[in-house]
PDB file of N, CA and C in Angstrom:
ATOM      1  N   MET A   1      35.769  33.559 -14.626  1.00  0.00           N
ATOM      2  CA  MET A   1      37.258  33.963 -14.728  1.00  0.00           C
ATOM      3  C   MET A   1      38.176  34.967 -13.517  1.00  0.00           C
ATOM      4  N   LYS A   2      37.691  35.796 -12.855  1.00  0.00           N
ATOM      5  CA  LYS A   2      37.414  37.357 -12.420  1.00  0.00           C
ATOM      6  C   LYS A   2      37.424  36.020 -11.203  1.00  0.00           C
ATOM      7  N   MET A   3      36.749  35.249 -10.813  1.00  0.00           N
ATOM      8  CA  MET A   3      36.768  35.236  -9.560  1.00  0.00           C
ATOM      9  C   MET A   3      38.887  34.258  -9.919  1.00  0.00           C
ATOM     10  N   ARG A   4      39.007  33.270 -10.781  1.00  0.00           N
ATOM     11  CA  ARG A   4      40.136  33.112 -10.736  1.00  0.00           C
ATOM     12  C   ARG A   4      41.078  33.871 -10.158  1.00  0.00           C
ATOM     13  N   LYS A   5      41.384  35.159 -10.726  1.00  0.00           N
ATOM     14  CA  LYS A   5      42.056  35.904 -10.511  1.00  0.00           C
ATOM     15  C   LYS A   5      42.313  36.780  -9.306  1.00  0.00           C
ATOM     16  N   VAL A   6      40.866  36.813  -8.627  1.00  0.00           N
ATOM     17  CA  VAL A   6      40.704  37.683  -7.406  1.00  0.00           C
ATOM     18  C   VAL A   6      41.719  36.093  -6.611  1.00  0.00           C
ATOM     19  N   MET A   7      41.768  35.310  -7.003  1.00  0.00           N
ATOM     20  CA  MET A   7      42.256  33.774  -5.953  1.00  0.00           C
ATOM     21  C   MET A   7      43.772  34.496  -6.139  1.00  0.00           C
ATOM     22  N   GLY A   8      44.138  34.128  -7.395  1.00  0.00           N
ATOM     23  CA  GLY A   8      44.965  33.938  -7.433  1.00  0.00           C
ATOM     24  C   GLY A   8      45.852  35.654  -7.149  1.00  0.00           C
ATOM     25  N   ILE A   9      45.338  36.801  -7.014  1.00  0.00           N
ATOM     26  CA  ILE A   9      45.640  37.431  -6.157  1.00  0.00           C
ATOM     27  C   ILE A   9      45.663  37.477  -4.612  1.00  0.00           C
ATOM     28  N   LYS A  10      44.812  37.015  -4.782  1.00  0.00           N
ATOM     29  CA  LYS A  10      44.755  36.608  -3.036  1.00  0.00           C
ATOM     30  C   LYS A  10      45.408  35.523  -2.308  1.00  0.00           C
ATOM     31  N   GLU A  11      45.995  35.008  -3.046  1.00  0.00           N
ATOM     32  CA  GLU A  11      47.302  34.047  -2.262  1.00  0.00           C
ATOM     33  C   GLU A  11      48.993  34.936  -3.070  1.00  0.00           C
ATOM     34  N   SER A  12      48.888  35.658  -4.466  1.00  0.00           N
ATOM     35  CA  SER A  12      49.618  36.388  -4.498  1.00  0.00           C
ATOM     36  C   SER A  12      50.734  37.578  -3.302  1.00  0.00           C
ATOM     37  N   ILE A  13      49.268  37.756  -2.742  1.00  0.00           N
ATOM     38  CA  ILE A  13      49.919  38.532  -1.897  1.00  0.00           C
ATOM     39  C   ILE A  13      49.332  37.887  -0.345  1.00  0.00           C
ATOM     40  N   LYS A  14      48.712  36.923   0.003  1.00  0.00           N
ATOM     41  CA  LYS A  14      49.107  36.521   1.609  1.00  0.00           C
ATOM     42  C   LYS A  14      50.550  35.699   1.616  1.00  0.00           C
ATOM     43  N   LYS A  15      51.739  34.817  -0.232  1.00  0.00           N
ATOM     44  CA  LYS A  15      52.619  34.940  -0.253  1.00  0.00           C
ATOM     45  C   LYS A  15      53.914  35.401   0.274  1.00  0.00           C
ATOM     46  N   LEU A  16      53.522  36.916  -0.156  1.00  0.00           N
ATOM     47  CA  LEU A  16      54.352  38.034  -0.059  1.00  0.00           C
ATOM     48  C   LEU A  16      54.529  38.518   0.821  1.00  0.00           C
ATOM     49  N   LEU A  17      53.026  38.391   2.694  1.00  0.00           N
ATOM     50  CA  LEU A  17      52.744  38.601   3.577  1.00  0.00           C
ATOM     51  C   LEU A  17      53.132  37.505   4.397  1.00  0.00           C
ATOM     52  N   GLN A  18      52.961  36.274   3.827  1.00  0.00           N
ATOM     53  CA  GLN A  18      54.070  34.790   4.654  1.00  0.00           C
ATOM     54  C   GLN A  18      55.803  35.617   4.787  1.00  0.00           C
ATOM     55  N   GLU A  19      56.512  35.475   3.347  1.00  0.00           N
ATOM     56  CA  GLU A  19      57.672  35.727   3.339  1.00  0.00           C
ATOM     57  C   GLU A  19      58.174  36.830   4.085  1.00  0.00           C
ATOM     58  N   ALA A  20      57.667  38.218   4.293  1.00  0.00           N
ATOM     59  CA  ALA A  20      58.084  39.296   4.802  1.00  0.00           C
ATOM     60  C   ALA A  20      58.069  39.197   6.213  1.00  0.00           C
ATOM     61  N   ASP A  21      56.876  38.119   7.100  1.00  0.00           N
ATOM     62  CA  ASP A  21      56.501  37.617   8.745  1.00  0.00           C
ATOM     63  C   ASP A  21      58.122  36.885   8.579  1.00  0.00           C
ATOM     64  N   LEU A  22      59.429  35.662   7.767  1.00  0.00           N
ATOM     65  CA  LEU A  22      59.927  34.831   7.696  1.00  0.00           C
ATOM     66  C   LEU A  22      60.822  35.995   8.124  1.00  0.00           C
ATOM     67  N   TYR A  23      61.294  37.128   6.658  1.00  0.00           N
ATOM     68  CA  TYR A  23      61.862  38.437   6.850  1.00  0.00           C
ATOM     69  C   TYR A  23      61.969  38.575   8.038  1.00  0.00           C
ATOM     70  N   THR A  24      61.122  38.878   8.580  1.00  0.00           N
ATOM     71  CA  THR A  24      61.112  40.177   9.939  1.00  0.00           C
ATOM     72  C   THR A  24      61.618  38.561  11.275  1.00  0.00           C
ATOM     73  N   GLN A  25      60.821  37.913  11.237  1.00  0.00           N
ATOM     74  CA  GLN A  25      61.972  37.096  11.978  1.00  0.00           C
ATOM     75  C   GLN A  25      63.435  36.815  12.533  1.00  0.00           C
ATOM     76  N   HIS A  26      63.782  36.959  10.502  1.00  0.00           N
ATOM     77  CA  HIS A  26      65.231  36.595  10.873  1.00  0.00           C
ATOM     78  C   HIS A  26      66.186  37.686  11.081  1.00  0.00           C
ATOM     79  N   GLY A  27      65.482  39.047  10.954  1.00  0.00           N
ATOM     80  CA  GLY A  27      66.191  39.853  11.322  1.00  0.00           C
ATOM     81  C   GLY A  27      66.801  40.601   9.804  1.00  0.00           C
ATOM     82  N   LEU A  28      66.207  40.370   9.102  1.00  0.00           N
ATOM     83  CA  LEU A  28      66.281  40.533   7.712  1.00  0.00           C
ATOM     84  C   LEU A  28      65.432  41.823   6.880  1.00  0.00           C
ATOM     85  N   LEU A  29      65.516  43.201   8.235  1.00  0.00           N
ATOM     86  CA  LEU A  29      64.423  44.080   7.726  1.00  0.00           C
ATOM     87  C   LEU A  29      64.411  44.060   6.656  1.00  0.00           C
ATOM     88  N   ASP A  30      65.170  45.966   5.826  1.00  0.00           N
ATOM     89  CA  ASP A  30      64.934  45.781   4.406  1.00  0.00           C
ATOM     90  C   ASP A  30      64.090  45.027   3.241  1.00  0.00           C
ATOM     91  N   GLU A  31      64.532  43.301   3.070  1.00  0.00           N
ATOM     92  CA  GLU A  31      63.716  43.148   2.854  1.00  0.00           C
ATOM     93  C   GLU A  31      62.158  42.151   2.954  1.00  0.00           C
ATOM     94  N   ALA A  32      62.520  42.244   4.243  1.00  0.00           N
ATOM     95  CA  ALA A  32      60.227  42.410   5.062  1.00  0.00           C
ATOM     96  C   ALA A  32      60.155  43.762   4.202  1.00  0.00           C
ATOM     97  N   ARG A  33      60.453  44.566   4.146  1.00  0.00           N
ATOM     98  CA  ARG A  33      60.359  45.506   4.185  1.00  0.00           C
ATOM     99  C   ARG A  33      59.282  45.597   2.910  1.00  0.00           C
ATOM    100  N   GLY A  34      60.683  45.568   1.894  1.00  0.00           N
ATOM    101  CA  GLY A  34      60.476  45.026   0.712  1.00  0.00           C
ATOM    102  C   GLY A  34      58.869  44.446  -0.468  1.00  0.00           C
ATOM    103  N   LYS A  35      59.150  43.456   0.610  1.00  0.00           N
ATOM    104  CA  LYS A  35      57.241  42.740   0.499  1.00  0.00           C
ATOM    105  C   LYS A  35      56.337  42.991   1.132  1.00  0.00           C
ATOM    106  N   TYR A  36      56.612  43.861   2.471  1.00  0.00           N
ATOM    107  CA  TYR A  36      54.594  44.278   2.794  1.00  0.00           C
ATOM    108  C   TYR A  36      55.100  45.003   1.899  1.00  0.00           C
ATOM    109  N   ALA A  37      55.654  46.397   1.291  1.00  0.00           N
ATOM    110  CA  ALA A  37      55.352  47.427  -0.263  1.00  0.00           C
ATOM    111  C   ALA A  37      54.869  46.596  -1.089  1.00  0.00           C
ATOM    112  N   GLU A  38      55.839  45.883  -1.298  1.00  0.00           N
ATOM    113  CA  GLU A  38      54.797  44.992  -3.018  1.00  0.00           C
ATOM    114  C   GLU A  38      53.742  44.094  -2.422  1.00  0.00           C
ATOM    115  N   ALA A  39      53.435  43.841  -1.534  1.00  0.00           N
ATOM    116  CA  ALA A  39      51.474  43.570  -1.143  1.00  0.00           C
ATOM    117  C   ALA A  39      51.270  44.551  -1.029  1.00  0.00           C
ATOM    118  N   GLU A  40      52.048  45.893  -0.712  1.00  0.00           N
ATOM    119  CA  GLU A  40      50.726  46.760   0.003  1.00  0.00           C
ATOM    120  C   GLU A  40      50.237  46.930  -1.313  1.00  0.00           C
ATOM    121  N   GLN A  41      51.105  47.782  -2.638  1.00  0.00           N
ATOM    122  CA  GLN A  41      50.869  47.800  -4.048  1.00  0.00           C
ATOM    123  C   GLN A  41      49.781  46.975  -4.832  1.00  0.00           C
ATOM    124  N   ARG A  42      50.408  45.849  -3.911  1.00  0.00           N
ATOM    125  CA  ARG A  42      49.090  44.915  -5.610  1.00  0.00           C
ATOM    126  C   ARG A  42      47.411  44.932  -4.507  1.00  0.00           C
ATOM    127  N   ILE A  43      47.951  45.074  -3.370  1.00  0.00           N
ATOM    128  CA  ILE A  43      46.511  45.166  -2.482  1.00  0.00           C
ATOM    129  C   ILE A  43      46.082  46.610  -3.466  1.00  0.00           C
ATOM    130  N   GLN A  44      46.371  48.134  -3.457  1.00  0.00           N
ATOM    131  CA  GLN A  44      45.804  49.338  -4.328  1.00  0.00           C
ATOM    132  C   GLN A  44      45.201  48.931  -5.294  1.00  0.00           C
ATOM    133  N   GLU A  45      46.368  47.947  -5.929  1.00  0.00           N
ATOM    134  CA  GLU A  45      45.615  47.526  -7.402  1.00  0.00           C
ATOM    135  C   GLU A  45      44.462  47.698  -7.550  1.00  0.00           C
ATOM    136  N   HIS A  46      44.073  46.462  -7.639  1.00  0.00           N
ATOM    137  CA  HIS A  46      43.026  45.536  -7.079  1.00  0.00           C
ATOM    138  C   HIS A  46      41.630  46.338  -6.061  1.00  0.00           C
ATOM    139  N   ASP A  47      39.942  46.187  -7.110  1.00  0.00           N
ATOM    140  CA  ASP A  47      39.453  46.945  -6.010  1.00  0.00           C
ATOM    141  C   ASP A  47      38.241  45.883  -5.296  1.00  0.00           C
ATOM    142  N   ARG A  48      38.397  44.869  -5.802  1.00  0.00           N
ATOM    143  CA  ARG A  48      37.853  43.831  -5.457  1.00  0.00           C
ATOM    144  C   ARG A  48      38.316  42.595  -4.591  1.00  0.00           C
ATOM    145  N   ILE A  49      39.508  43.422  -4.317  1.00  0.00           N
ATOM    146  CA  ILE A  49      39.726  42.789  -2.332  1.00  0.00           C
ATOM    147  C   ILE A  49      39.184  43.038  -1.129  1.00  0.00           C
ATOM    148  N   GLN A  50      38.335  42.168  -0.319  1.00  0.00           N
ATOM    149  CA  GLN A  50      38.311  42.561   1.266  1.00  0.00           C
ATOM    150  C   GLN A  50      38.411  43.146   2.163  1.00  0.00           C
ATOM    151  N   ASN A  51      37.928  44.009   3.104  1.00  0.00           N
ATOM    152  CA  ASN A  51      38.664  44.311   3.935  1.00  0.00           C
ATOM    153  C   ASN A  51      39.965  45.168   3.498  1.00  0.00           C
ATOM    154  N   LYS A  52      40.076  45.743   2.352  1.00  0.00           N
ATOM    155  CA  LYS A  52      41.423  46.146   1.941  1.00  0.00           C
ATOM    156  C   LYS A  52      42.096  46.793   2.703  1.00  0.00           C
ATOM    157  N   GLU A  53      41.038  48.322   3.051  1.00  0.00           N
ATOM    158  CA  GLU A  53      41.154  48.788   4.610  1.00  0.00           C
ATOM    159  C   GLU A  53      41.430  47.913   5.387  1.00  0.00           C
ATOM    160  N   LYS A  54      41.349  47.740   5.670  1.00  0.00           N
ATOM    161  CA  LYS A  54      42.071  46.971   6.748  1.00  0.00           C
ATOM    162  C   LYS A  54      43.365  46.894   6.674  1.00  0.00           C
ATOM    163  N   ILE A  55      42.908  45.625   5.591  1.00  0.00           N
ATOM    164  CA  ILE A  55      45.038  45.062   5.507  1.00  0.00           C
ATOM    165  C   ILE A  55      45.889  46.296   5.217  1.00  0.00           C
ATOM    166  N   LEU A  56      45.693  47.221   4.771  1.00  0.00           N
ATOM    167  CA  LEU A  56      46.067  48.079   4.546  1.00  0.00           C
ATOM    168  C   LEU A  56      47.113  48.918   5.661  1.00  0.00           C
ATOM    169  N   ASN A  57      46.198  48.896   6.922  1.00  0.00           N
ATOM    170  CA  ASN A  57      46.147  49.902   7.195  1.00  0.00           C
ATOM    171  C   ASN A  57      47.542  48.381   8.335  1.00  0.00           C
ATOM    172  N   GLY A  58      47.004  47.310   8.749  1.00  0.00           N
ATOM    173  CA  GLY A  58      47.895  46.538   8.939  1.00  0.00           C
ATOM    174  C   GLY A  58      49.455  46.413   8.534  1.00  0.00           C
ATOM    175  N   ILE A  59      49.176  47.063   7.421  1.00  0.00           N
ATOM    176  CA  ILE A  59      50.632  45.944   6.245  1.00  0.00           C
ATOM    177  C   ILE A  59      50.986  47.858   7.055  1.00  0.00           C
ATOM    178  N   ALA A  60      50.044  48.619   6.966  1.00  0.00           N
ATOM    179  CA  ALA A  60      50.796  49.947   7.198  1.00  0.00           C
ATOM    180  C   ALA A  60      51.895  49.885   8.299  1.00  0.00           C
ATOM    181  N   ASN A  61      51.181  49.758   9.595  1.00  0.00           N
ATOM    182  CA  ASN A  61      51.755  49.646  11.419  1.00  0.00           C
ATOM    183  C   ASN A  61      52.632  48.359  11.161  1.00  0.00           C
ATOM    184  N   LYS A  62      53.259  47.400  10.246  1.00  0.00           N
ATOM    185  CA  LYS A  62      54.052  46.793  10.094  1.00  0.00           C
ATOM    186  C   LYS A  62      54.963  47.458   9.480  1.00  0.00           C
ATOM    187  N   ILE A  63      54.960  48.242   9.173  1.00  0.00           N
ATOM    188  CA  ILE A  63      56.391  49.084   7.898  1.00  0.00           C
ATOM    189  C   ILE A  63      56.353  49.617   8.901  1.00  0.00           C
ATOM    190  N   ARG A  64      55.222  50.895  10.311  1.00  0.00           N
ATOM    191  CA  ARG A  64      56.535  52.018  10.867  1.00  0.00           C
ATOM    192  C   ARG A  64      57.517  51.135  11.346  1.00  0.00           C
ATOM    193  N   LEU A  65      56.542  49.746  11.964  1.00  0.00           N
ATOM    194  CA  LEU A  65      57.502  48.684  13.287  1.00  0.00           C
ATOM    195  C   LEU A  65      59.037  48.208  12.332  1.00  0.00           C
ATOM    196  N   LEU A  66      58.731  47.640  11.455  1.00  0.00           N
ATOM    197  CA  LEU A  66      60.512  47.672  11.201  1.00  0.00           C
ATOM    198  C   LEU A  66      60.747  49.024  10.700  1.00  0.00           C
ATOM    199  N   ASP A  67      60.307  50.725  10.231  1.00  0.00           N
ATOM    200  CA  ASP A  67      61.183  51.092  10.294  1.00  0.00           C
ATOM    201  C   ASP A  67      61.863  51.886  11.465  1.00  0.00           C
ATOM    202  N   SER A  68      60.736  51.883  12.694  1.00  0.00           N
ATOM    203  CA  SER A  68      62.108  51.796  14.123  1.00  0.00           C
ATOM    204  C   SER A  68      62.516  51.351  14.341  1.00  0.00           C
ATOM    205  N   ASP A  69      62.433  49.809  13.790  1.00  0.00           N
ATOM    206  CA  ASP A  69      62.966  48.577  14.357  1.00  0.00           C
ATOM    207  C   ASP A  69      64.608  48.978  13.658  1.00  0.00           C
ATOM    208  N   THR A  70      64.397  49.057  11.899  1.00  0.00           N
ATOM    209  CA  THR A  70      66.221  49.219  11.853  1.00  0.00           C
ATOM    210  C   THR A  70      66.442  50.770  12.462  1.00  0.00           C
ATOM    211  N   LYS A  71      65.504  51.821  12.581  1.00  0.00           N
ATOM    212  CA  LYS A  71      66.781  53.509  13.632  1.00  0.00           C
ATOM    213  C   LYS A  71      66.821  52.689  14.468  1.00  0.00           C
ATOM    214  N   ARG A  72      66.444  51.881  15.394  1.00  0.00           N
ATOM    215  CA  ARG A  72      67.535  50.994  16.510  1.00  0.00           C
ATOM    216  C   ARG A  72      68.000  50.345  16.699  1.00  0.00           C
ATOM    217  N   VAL A  73      67.898  50.464  15.169  1.00  0.00           N
ATOM    218  CA  VAL A  73      69.489  49.147  15.399  1.00  0.00           C
ATOM    219  C   VAL A  73      71.015  49.861  14.847  1.00  0.00           C
ATOM    220  N   GLU A  74      70.695  50.912  13.303  1.00  0.00           N
ATOM    221  CA  GLU A  74      71.019  51.385  12.757  1.00  0.00           C
ATOM    222  C   GLU A  74      71.530  52.633  14.630  1.00  0.00           C
ATOM    223  N   LYS A  75      70.923  53.237  14.588  1.00  0.00           N
ATOM    224  CA  LYS A  75      71.220  53.582  16.425  1.00  0.00           C
ATOM    225  C   LYS A  75      72.164  53.285  16.892  1.00  0.00           C
ATOM    226  N   GLY A  76      72.451  51.506  17.647  1.00  0.00           N
ATOM    227  CA  GLY A  76      72.888  51.201  18.385  1.00  0.00           C
ATOM    228  C   GLY A  76      74.451  51.880  18.771  1.00  0.00           C
ATOM    229  N   PRO A  77      74.813  50.958  19.596  1.00  0.00           N
ATOM    230  CA  PRO A  77      75.838  52.008  20.128  1.00  0.00           C
ATOM    231  C   PRO A  77      77.127  51.755  19.052  1.00  0.00           C
ATOM    232  N   SER A  78      77.644  52.659  19.208  1.00  0.00           N
ATOM    233  CA  SER A  78      79.075  52.817  18.588  1.00  0.00           C
ATOM    234  C   SER A  78      79.793  51.678  18.786  1.00  0.00           C
ATOM    235  N   SER A  79      80.237  51.405  20.311  1.00  0.00           N
ATOM    236  CA  SER A  79      81.300  50.499  20.464  1.00  0.00           C
ATOM    237  C   SER A  79      81.298  49.406  21.150  1.00  0.00           C
ATOM    238  N   PRO A  80      81.030  47.645  21.236  1.00  0.00           N
ATOM    239  CA  PRO A  80      80.188  47.211  22.528  1.00  0.00           C
ATOM    240  C   PRO A  80      81.407  47.653  23.715  1.00  0.00           C
ATOM    241  N   GLU A  81      80.452  47.436  25.162  1.00  0.00           N
ATOM    242  CA  GLU A  81      81.020  47.642  25.666  1.00  0.00           C
ATOM    243  C   GLU A  81      81.772  46.779  26.744  1.00  0.00           C
ATOM    244  N   LEU A  82      83.682  47.141  27.169  1.00  0.00           N
ATOM    245  CA  LEU A  82      84.294  46.290  28.024  1.00  0.00           C
ATOM    246  C   LEU A  82      83.615  45.857  28.816  1.00  0.00           C
ATOM    247  N   SER A  83      84.437  44.535  30.016  1.00  0.00           N
ATOM    248  CA  SER A  83      84.083  44.691  30.703  1.00  0.00           C
ATOM    249  C   SER A  83      85.294  44.686  31.587  1.00  0.00           C
TER     250      SER A  83
END
């Protein structure tokens, strides 16, 4: 029974990460960040996940990149340049 639960958690985390990547590809940065944060929370809640720290570090890196991209987009030029 526990193995089935771990597999269910693993699949749900994998799905969240895939959704986050898809959102990122489409420029939906806030949505992507939410999916990464949800995956991060689920991973932290379960002790039996292999390579837990490595996965969490990877997610944290992706969140940092998203935050950087979000700041860059928000900062963007105040008005378009006319030629």
